[in-house]
Amino acid sequence: MKINKQKILENICYTELVYERINKKLNINFSNKQIKEFIFKTLKKTDENFFSKTGKNFYVENVEEKIRITINSNTFRIITVDKIEGKLF
């Protein structure tokens, strides 16, 4: 199944709670606007080969930023962002 990266970029959205979760998991203190900009830029620069779909979620792994972004594939809502260590592939 081909993942439509452009559709994800056009439709990503957030809940109020996810901003706090992202700051906590990444140990940062970004504003909501900074988080949106960071996530958008990261998704945009990540090659489609690093986008995958498992169950109801998309997973986007960015080795440069050392993060994995989890996105609901139905609503395009950001669920969480996790730190990853080392080389993935």
PDB file of N, CA and C in Angstrom:
ATOM      1  N   MET A   1       0.831  -1.191   0.000  1.00  0.00           N
ATOM      2  CA  MET A   1       0.000   0.000   0.000  1.00  0.00           C
ATOM      3  C   MET A   1       0.873   1.252   0.000  1.00  0.00           C
ATOM      4  N   LYS A   2       0.639   2.126  -0.946  1.00  0.00           N
ATOM      5  CA  LYS A   2       1.383   3.379  -1.035  1.00  0.00           C
ATOM      6  C   LYS A   2       0.775   4.398  -0.079  1.00  0.00           C
ATOM      7  N   ILE A   3       1.633   5.050   0.695  1.00  0.00           N
ATOM      8  CA  ILE A   3       1.189   6.074   1.629  1.00  0.00           C
ATOM      9  C   ILE A   3       1.287   7.424   0.939  1.00  0.00           C
ATOM     10  N   ASN A   4       0.230   8.216   1.050  1.00  0.00           N
ATOM     11  CA  ASN A   4       0.173   9.528   0.416  1.00  0.00           C
ATOM     12  C   ASN A   4       0.707  10.576   1.400  1.00  0.00           C
ATOM     13  N   LYS A   5       1.991  10.850   1.300  1.00  0.00           N
ATOM     14  CA  LYS A   5       2.653  11.809   2.192  1.00  0.00           C
ATOM     15  C   LYS A   5       2.008  13.181   2.099  1.00  0.00           C
ATOM     16  N   GLN A   6       1.679  13.633   0.903  1.00  0.00           N
ATOM     17  CA  GLN A   6       1.086  14.960   0.716  1.00  0.00           C
ATOM     18  C   GLN A   6      -0.256  15.066   1.438  1.00  0.00           C
ATOM     19  N   LYS A   7      -1.044  14.014   1.386  1.00  0.00           N
ATOM     20  CA  LYS A   7      -2.348  14.018   2.076  1.00  0.00           C
ATOM     21  C   LYS A   7      -2.152  14.127   3.584  1.00  0.00           C
ATOM     22  N   ILE A   8      -1.143  13.459   4.114  1.00  0.00           N
ATOM     23  CA  ILE A   8      -0.837  13.565   5.542  1.00  0.00           C
ATOM     24  C   ILE A   8      -0.454  15.004   5.878  1.00  0.00           C
ATOM     25  N   LEU A   9       0.443  15.602   5.083  1.00  0.00           N
ATOM     26  CA  LEU A   9       0.882  16.978   5.339  1.00  0.00           C
ATOM     27  C   LEU A   9      -0.280  17.964   5.292  1.00  0.00           C
ATOM     28  N   GLU A  10      -1.214  17.752   4.393  1.00  0.00           N
ATOM     29  CA  GLU A  10      -2.352  18.660   4.241  1.00  0.00           C
ATOM     30  C   GLU A  10      -3.389  18.514   5.350  1.00  0.00           C
ATOM     31  N   ASN A  11      -3.413  17.355   6.017  1.00  0.00           N
ATOM     32  CA  ASN A  11      -4.500  17.073   6.953  1.00  0.00           C
ATOM     33  C   ASN A  11      -4.089  16.872   8.411  1.00  0.00           C
ATOM     34  N   ILE A  12      -2.792  16.934   8.721  1.00  0.00           N
ATOM     35  CA  ILE A  12      -2.405  16.666  10.110  1.00  0.00           C
ATOM     36  C   ILE A  12      -3.093  17.650  11.057  1.00  0.00           C
ATOM     37  N   CYS A  13      -3.474  17.134  12.220  1.00  0.00           N
ATOM     38  CA  CYS A  13      -4.106  17.957  13.230  1.00  0.00           C
ATOM     39  C   CYS A  13      -3.673  17.466  14.612  1.00  0.00           C
ATOM     40  N   TYR A  14      -4.039  18.236  15.617  1.00  0.00           N
ATOM     41  CA  TYR A  14      -3.544  17.999  16.970  1.00  0.00           C
ATOM     42  C   TYR A  14      -4.676  18.143  17.977  1.00  0.00           C
ATOM     43  N   THR A  15      -4.528  17.498  19.126  1.00  0.00           N
ATOM     44  CA  THR A  15      -5.404  17.762  20.272  1.00  0.00           C
ATOM     45  C   THR A  15      -4.599  18.593  21.257  1.00  0.00           C
ATOM     46  N   GLU A  16      -5.262  19.241  22.171  1.00  0.00           N
ATOM     47  CA  GLU A  16      -4.549  20.041  23.169  1.00  0.00           C
ATOM     48  C   GLU A  16      -3.602  19.177  24.006  1.00  0.00           C
ATOM     49  N   LEU A  17      -4.009  17.968  24.321  1.00  0.00           N
ATOM     50  CA  LEU A  17      -3.185  17.104  25.174  1.00  0.00           C
ATOM     51  C   LEU A  17      -1.904  16.636  24.491  1.00  0.00           C
ATOM     52  N   VAL A  18      -1.923  16.539  23.170  1.00  0.00           N
ATOM     53  CA  VAL A  18      -0.751  15.998  22.474  1.00  0.00           C
ATOM     54  C   VAL A  18       0.443  16.948  22.565  1.00  0.00           C
ATOM     55  N   TYR A  19       0.208  18.240  22.640  1.00  0.00           N
ATOM     56  CA  TYR A  19       1.322  19.181  22.759  1.00  0.00           C
ATOM     57  C   TYR A  19       2.123  18.905  24.032  1.00  0.00           C
ATOM     58  N   GLU A  20       1.402  18.738  25.121  1.00  0.00           N
ATOM     59  CA  GLU A  20       2.051  18.436  26.402  1.00  0.00           C
ATOM     60  C   GLU A  20       2.787  17.096  26.335  1.00  0.00           C
ATOM     61  N   ARG A  21       2.160  16.109  25.709  1.00  0.00           N
ATOM     62  CA  ARG A  21       2.764  14.775  25.577  1.00  0.00           C
ATOM     63  C   ARG A  21       4.066  14.849  24.765  1.00  0.00           C
ATOM     64  N   ILE A  22       4.057  15.607  23.674  1.00  0.00           N
ATOM     65  CA  ILE A  22       5.254  15.733  22.834  1.00  0.00           C
ATOM     66  C   ILE A  22       6.373  16.410  23.605  1.00  0.00           C
ATOM     67  N   ASN A  23       6.067  17.500  24.282  1.00  0.00           N
ATOM     68  CA  ASN A  23       7.087  18.188  25.088  1.00  0.00           C
ATOM     69  C   ASN A  23       7.689  17.253  26.131  1.00  0.00           C
ATOM     70  N   LYS A  24       6.835  16.473  26.779  1.00  0.00           N
ATOM     71  CA  LYS A  24       7.307  15.561  27.830  1.00  0.00           C
ATOM     72  C   LYS A  24       8.170  14.440  27.241  1.00  0.00           C
ATOM     73  N   LYS A  25       7.691  13.811  26.175  1.00  0.00           N
ATOM     74  CA  LYS A  25       8.417  12.668  25.605  1.00  0.00           C
ATOM     75  C   LYS A  25       9.745  13.059  24.978  1.00  0.00           C
ATOM     76  N   LEU A  26       9.807  14.271  24.401  1.00  0.00           N
ATOM     77  CA  LEU A  26      11.046  14.709  23.765  1.00  0.00           C
ATOM     78  C   LEU A  26      11.904  15.572  24.688  1.00  0.00           C
ATOM     79  N   ASN A  27      11.403  15.798  25.894  1.00  0.00           N
ATOM     80  CA  ASN A  27      12.120  16.608  26.882  1.00  0.00           C
ATOM     81  C   ASN A  27      12.455  17.997  26.319  1.00  0.00           C
ATOM     82  N   ILE A  28      11.419  18.638  25.778  1.00  0.00           N
ATOM     83  CA  ILE A  28      11.549  19.976  25.219  1.00  0.00           C
ATOM     84  C   ILE A  28      10.482  20.867  25.852  1.00  0.00           C
ATOM     85  N   ASN A  29      10.518  22.146  25.542  1.00  0.00           N
ATOM     86  CA  ASN A  29       9.511  23.073  26.051  1.00  0.00           C
ATOM     87  C   ASN A  29       9.089  24.008  24.913  1.00  0.00           C
ATOM     88  N   PHE A  30       8.508  23.417  23.866  1.00  0.00           N
ATOM     89  CA  PHE A  30       8.081  24.176  22.698  1.00  0.00           C
ATOM     90  C   PHE A  30       6.659  24.685  22.895  1.00  0.00           C
ATOM     91  N   SER A  31       6.345  25.815  22.263  1.00  0.00           N
ATOM     92  CA  SER A  31       4.966  26.296  22.207  1.00  0.00           C
ATOM     93  C   SER A  31       4.199  25.402  21.231  1.00  0.00           C
ATOM     94  N   ASN A  32       2.880  25.519  21.246  1.00  0.00           N
ATOM     95  CA  ASN A  32       2.064  24.738  20.306  1.00  0.00           C
ATOM     96  C   ASN A  32       2.476  25.040  18.868  1.00  0.00           C
ATOM     97  N   LYS A  33       2.713  26.310  18.568  1.00  0.00           N
ATOM     98  CA  LYS A  33       3.121  26.714  17.220  1.00  0.00           C
ATOM     99  C   LYS A  33       4.466  26.099  16.848  1.00  0.00           C
ATOM    100  N   GLN A  34       5.418  26.104  17.781  1.00  0.00           N
ATOM    101  CA  GLN A  34       6.733  25.515  17.511  1.00  0.00           C
ATOM    102  C   GLN A  34       6.629  24.016  17.267  1.00  0.00           C
ATOM    103  N   ILE A  35       5.766  23.346  18.013  1.00  0.00           N
ATOM    104  CA  ILE A  35       5.571  21.906  17.821  1.00  0.00           C
ATOM    105  C   ILE A  35       5.003  21.651  16.435  1.00  0.00           C
ATOM    106  N   LYS A  36       3.983  22.404  16.040  1.00  0.00           N
ATOM    107  CA  LYS A  36       3.388  22.235  14.708  1.00  0.00           C
ATOM    108  C   LYS A  36       4.429  22.435  13.612  1.00  0.00           C
ATOM    109  N   GLU A  37       5.241  23.475  13.753  1.00  0.00           N
ATOM    110  CA  GLU A  37       6.281  23.753  12.752  1.00  0.00           C
ATOM    111  C   GLU A  37       7.313  22.635  12.711  1.00  0.00           C
ATOM    112  N   PHE A  38       7.733  22.167  13.874  1.00  0.00           N
ATOM    113  CA  PHE A  38       8.723  21.094  13.965  1.00  0.00           C
ATOM    114  C   PHE A  38       8.189  19.807  13.320  1.00  0.00           C
ATOM    115  N   ILE A  39       6.959  19.426  13.659  1.00  0.00           N
ATOM    116  CA  ILE A  39       6.368  18.204  13.114  1.00  0.00           C
ATOM    117  C   ILE A  39       6.210  18.328  11.599  1.00  0.00           C
ATOM    118  N   PHE A  40       5.695  19.466  11.129  1.00  0.00           N
ATOM    119  CA  PHE A  40       5.484  19.650   9.691  1.00  0.00           C
ATOM    120  C   PHE A  40       6.808  19.569   8.941  1.00  0.00           C
ATOM    121  N   LYS A  41       7.813  20.285   9.414  1.00  0.00           N
ATOM    122  CA  LYS A  41       9.122  20.275   8.749  1.00  0.00           C
ATOM    123  C   LYS A  41       9.723  18.875   8.748  1.00  0.00           C
ATOM    124  N   THR A  42       9.583  18.170   9.861  1.00  0.00           N
ATOM    125  CA  THR A  42      10.125  16.813   9.956  1.00  0.00           C
ATOM    126  C   THR A  42       9.413  15.878   8.987  1.00  0.00           C
ATOM    127  N   LEU A  43       8.091  15.946   8.931  1.00  0.00           N
ATOM    128  CA  LEU A  43       7.340  15.106   7.998  1.00  0.00           C
ATOM    129  C   LEU A  43       7.715  15.440   6.556  1.00  0.00           C
ATOM    130  N   LYS A  44       7.831  16.711   6.257  1.00  0.00           N
ATOM    131  CA  LYS A  44       8.127  17.143   4.892  1.00  0.00           C
ATOM    132  C   LYS A  44       9.496  16.655   4.422  1.00  0.00           C
ATOM    133  N   LYS A  45      10.498  16.709   5.289  1.00  0.00           N
ATOM    134  CA  LYS A  45      11.845  16.322   4.875  1.00  0.00           C
ATOM    135  C   LYS A  45      12.111  14.808   4.974  1.00  0.00           C
ATOM    136  N   THR A  46      11.190  14.065   5.573  1.00  0.00           N
ATOM    137  CA  THR A  46      11.368  12.623   5.716  1.00  0.00           C
ATOM    138  C   THR A  46      10.944  11.923   4.428  1.00  0.00           C
ATOM    139  N   ASP A  47      11.830  11.096   3.902  1.00  0.00           N
ATOM    140  CA  ASP A  47      11.544  10.347   2.684  1.00  0.00           C
ATOM    141  C   ASP A  47      10.370   9.391   2.915  1.00  0.00           C
ATOM    142  N   GLU A  48       9.566   9.194   1.875  1.00  0.00           N
ATOM    143  CA  GLU A  48       8.394   8.312   1.982  1.00  0.00           C
ATOM    144  C   GLU A  48       8.761   6.884   2.356  1.00  0.00           C
ATOM    145  N   ASN A  49       9.988   6.466   2.119  1.00  0.00           N
ATOM    146  CA  ASN A  49      10.420   5.126   2.521  1.00  0.00           C
ATOM    147  C   ASN A  49      10.369   4.937   4.027  1.00  0.00           C
ATOM    148  N   PHE A  50      10.356   6.023   4.779  1.00  0.00           N
ATOM    149  CA  PHE A  50      10.327   5.949   6.232  1.00  0.00           C
ATOM    150  C   PHE A  50       8.927   6.146   6.793  1.00  0.00           C
ATOM    151  N   PHE A  51       7.922   6.136   5.909  1.00  0.00           N
ATOM    152  CA  PHE A  51       6.514   6.171   6.304  1.00  0.00           C
ATOM    153  C   PHE A  51       6.000   4.740   6.236  1.00  0.00           C
ATOM    154  N   SER A  52       5.292   4.296   7.258  1.00  0.00           N
ATOM    155  CA  SER A  52       4.693   2.967   7.223  1.00  0.00           C
ATOM    156  C   SER A  52       3.314   3.023   7.858  1.00  0.00           C
ATOM    157  N   LYS A  53       2.523   2.002   7.594  1.00  0.00           N
ATOM    158  CA  LYS A  53       1.183   1.918   8.188  1.00  0.00           C
ATOM    159  C   LYS A  53       1.040   0.554   8.819  1.00  0.00           C
ATOM    160  N   THR A  54       0.691   0.553  10.081  1.00  0.00           N
ATOM    161  CA  THR A  54       0.410  -0.680  10.803  1.00  0.00           C
ATOM    162  C   THR A  54      -0.910  -0.480  11.526  1.00  0.00           C
ATOM    163  N   GLY A  55      -1.885  -1.325  11.242  1.00  0.00           N
ATOM    164  CA  GLY A  55      -3.198  -1.167  11.859  1.00  0.00           C
ATOM    165  C   GLY A  55      -3.805   0.161  11.462  1.00  0.00           C
ATOM    166  N   LYS A  56      -4.231   0.921  12.457  1.00  0.00           N
ATOM    167  CA  LYS A  56      -4.895   2.197  12.166  1.00  0.00           C
ATOM    168  C   LYS A  56      -3.955   3.396  12.211  1.00  0.00           C
ATOM    169  N   ASN A  57      -2.662   3.156  12.328  1.00  0.00           N
ATOM    170  CA  ASN A  57      -1.720   4.266  12.461  1.00  0.00           C
ATOM    171  C   ASN A  57      -0.657   4.303  11.371  1.00  0.00           C
ATOM    172  N   PHE A  58      -0.243   5.533  11.067  1.00  0.00           N
ATOM    173  CA  PHE A  58       0.954   5.758  10.279  1.00  0.00           C
ATOM    174  C   PHE A  58       2.100   5.963  11.253  1.00  0.00           C
ATOM    175  N   TYR A  59       3.275   5.482  10.891  1.00  0.00           N
ATOM    176  CA  TYR A  59       4.490   5.697  11.679  1.00  0.00           C
ATOM    177  C   TYR A  59       5.524   6.327  10.750  1.00  0.00           C
ATOM    178  N   VAL A  60       6.092   7.433  11.198  1.00  0.00           N
ATOM    179  CA  VAL A  60       7.089   8.142  10.401  1.00  0.00           C
ATOM    180  C   VAL A  60       8.363   8.207  11.232  1.00  0.00           C
ATOM    181  N   GLU A  61       9.419   7.584  10.733  1.00  0.00           N
ATOM    182  CA  GLU A  61      10.683   7.546  11.462  1.00  0.00           C
ATOM    183  C   GLU A  61      11.689   8.457  10.783  1.00  0.00           C
ATOM    184  N   ASN A  62      12.220   9.389  11.564  1.00  0.00           N
ATOM    185  CA  ASN A  62      13.207  10.321  11.046  1.00  0.00           C
ATOM    186  C   ASN A  62      14.497  10.116  11.822  1.00  0.00           C
ATOM    187  N   VAL A  63      15.488   9.541  11.144  1.00  0.00           N
ATOM    188  CA  VAL A  63      16.762   9.200  11.775  1.00  0.00           C
ATOM    189  C   VAL A  63      17.529  10.461  12.168  1.00  0.00           C
ATOM    190  N   GLU A  64      17.460  11.484  11.331  1.00  0.00           N
ATOM    191  CA  GLU A  64      18.178  12.729  11.600  1.00  0.00           C
ATOM    192  C   GLU A  64      17.720  13.365  12.913  1.00  0.00           C
ATOM    193  N   GLU A  65      16.412  13.430  13.119  1.00  0.00           N
ATOM    194  CA  GLU A  65      15.856  14.005  14.352  1.00  0.00           C
ATOM    195  C   GLU A  65      15.775  12.979  15.476  1.00  0.00           C
ATOM    196  N   LYS A  66      15.952  11.712  15.125  1.00  0.00           N
ATOM    197  CA  LYS A  66      15.873  10.595  16.075  1.00  0.00           C
ATOM    198  C   LYS A  66      14.506  10.532  16.756  1.00  0.00           C
ATOM    199  N   ILE A  67      13.459  10.629  15.921  1.00  0.00           N
ATOM    200  CA  ILE A  67      12.094  10.538  16.443  1.00  0.00           C
ATOM    201  C   ILE A  67      11.232   9.657  15.550  1.00  0.00           C
ATOM    202  N   ARG A  68      10.141   9.147  16.143  1.00  0.00           N
ATOM    203  CA  ARG A  68       9.102   8.420  15.414  1.00  0.00           C
ATOM    204  C   ARG A  68       7.780   9.116  15.720  1.00  0.00           C
ATOM    205  N   ILE A  69       7.093   9.547  14.687  1.00  0.00           N
ATOM    206  CA  ILE A  69       5.816  10.233  14.826  1.00  0.00           C
ATOM    207  C   ILE A  69       4.709   9.228  14.540  1.00  0.00           C
ATOM    208  N   THR A  70       3.725   9.159  15.435  1.00  0.00           N
ATOM    209  CA  THR A  70       2.584   8.270  15.259  1.00  0.00           C
ATOM    210  C   THR A  70       1.369   9.123  14.910  1.00  0.00           C
ATOM    211  N   ILE A  71       0.709   8.769  13.796  1.00  0.00           N
ATOM    212  CA  ILE A  71      -0.424   9.536  13.281  1.00  0.00           C
ATOM    213  C   ILE A  71      -1.593   8.586  13.035  1.00  0.00           C
ATOM    214  N   ASN A  72      -2.783   8.961  13.494  1.00  0.00           N
ATOM    215  CA  ASN A  72      -3.972   8.164  13.224  1.00  0.00           C
ATOM    216  C   ASN A  72      -4.267   8.244  11.722  1.00  0.00           C
ATOM    217  N   SER A  73      -4.405   7.097  11.067  1.00  0.00           N
ATOM    218  CA  SER A  73      -4.561   7.075   9.610  1.00  0.00           C
ATOM    219  C   SER A  73      -5.956   7.486   9.157  1.00  0.00           C
ATOM    220  N   ASN A  74      -6.922   7.501  10.046  1.00  0.00           N
ATOM    221  CA  ASN A  74      -8.281   7.915   9.668  1.00  0.00           C
ATOM    222  C   ASN A  74      -8.496   9.414   9.844  1.00  0.00           C
ATOM    223  N   THR A  75      -7.989   9.967  10.943  1.00  0.00           N
ATOM    224  CA  THR A  75      -8.231  11.380  11.276  1.00  0.00           C
ATOM    225  C   THR A  75      -7.024  12.271  10.990  1.00  0.00           C
ATOM    226  N   PHE A  76      -5.870  11.659  10.744  1.00  0.00           N
ATOM    227  CA  PHE A  76      -4.593  12.373  10.545  1.00  0.00           C
ATOM    228  C   PHE A  76      -4.187  13.155  11.799  1.00  0.00           C
ATOM    229  N   ARG A  77      -4.682  12.732  12.938  1.00  0.00           N
ATOM    230  CA  ARG A  77      -4.343  13.370  14.204  1.00  0.00           C
ATOM    231  C   ARG A  77      -3.023  12.817  14.722  1.00  0.00           C
ATOM    232  N   ILE A  78      -2.138  13.710  15.130  1.00  0.00           N
ATOM    233  CA  ILE A  78      -0.880  13.293  15.741  1.00  0.00           C
ATOM    234  C   ILE A  78      -1.217  12.642  17.076  1.00  0.00           C
ATOM    235  N   ILE A  79      -0.722  11.429  17.287  1.00  0.00           N
ATOM    236  CA  ILE A  79      -0.985  10.722  18.535  1.00  0.00           C
ATOM    237  C   ILE A  79       0.154  10.941  19.512  1.00  0.00           C
ATOM    238  N   THR A  80       1.373  10.752  19.042  1.00  0.00           N
ATOM    239  CA  THR A  80       2.533  10.950  19.903  1.00  0.00           C
ATOM    240  C   THR A  80       3.799  11.041  19.058  1.00  0.00           C
ATOM    241  N   VAL A  81       4.870  11.426  19.714  1.00  0.00           N
ATOM    242  CA  VAL A  81       6.193  11.451  19.097  1.00  0.00           C
ATOM    243  C   VAL A  81       7.142  10.816  20.100  1.00  0.00           C
ATOM    244  N   ASP A  82       7.884   9.814  19.661  1.00  0.00           N
ATOM    245  CA  ASP A  82       8.807   9.104  20.540  1.00  0.00           C
ATOM    246  C   ASP A  82      10.240   9.298  20.088  1.00  0.00           C
ATOM    247  N   LYS A  83      11.153   9.297  21.036  1.00  0.00           N
ATOM    248  CA  LYS A  83      12.574   9.297  20.706  1.00  0.00           C
ATOM    249  C   LYS A  83      12.960   7.908  20.241  1.00  0.00           C
ATOM    250  N   ILE A  84      13.862   7.859  19.277  1.00  0.00           N
ATOM    251  CA  ILE A  84      14.412   6.571  18.853  1.00  0.00           C
ATOM    252  C   ILE A  84      15.927   6.681  18.951  1.00  0.00           C
ATOM    253  N   GLU A  85      16.560   5.562  19.165  1.00  0.00           N
ATOM    254  CA  GLU A  85      18.021   5.545  19.320  1.00  0.00           C
ATOM    255  C   GLU A  85      18.658   4.764  18.192  1.00  0.00           C
ATOM    256  N   GLY A  86      19.792   5.236  17.774  1.00  0.00           N
ATOM    257  CA  GLY A  86      20.602   4.485  16.809  1.00  0.00           C
ATOM    258  C   GLY A  86      20.022   4.482  15.419  1.00  0.00           C
ATOM    259  N   LYS A  87      20.651   3.717  14.564  1.00  0.00           N
ATOM    260  CA  LYS A  87      20.252   3.617  13.176  1.00  0.00           C
ATOM    261  C   LYS A  87      19.131   2.598  13.038  1.00  0.00           C
ATOM    262  N   LEU A  88      18.104   2.934  12.264  1.00  0.00           N
ATOM    263  CA  LEU A  88      16.946   2.062  12.128  1.00  0.00           C
ATOM    264  C   LEU A  88      17.123   1.027  11.027  1.00  0.00           C
ATOM    265  N   PHE A  89      17.786   1.406   9.946  1.00  0.00           N
ATOM    266  CA  PHE A  89      17.838   0.509   8.790  1.00  0.00           C
ATOM    267  C   PHE A  89      19.267   0.235   8.397  1.00  0.00           C
TER     268      PHE A  89
END
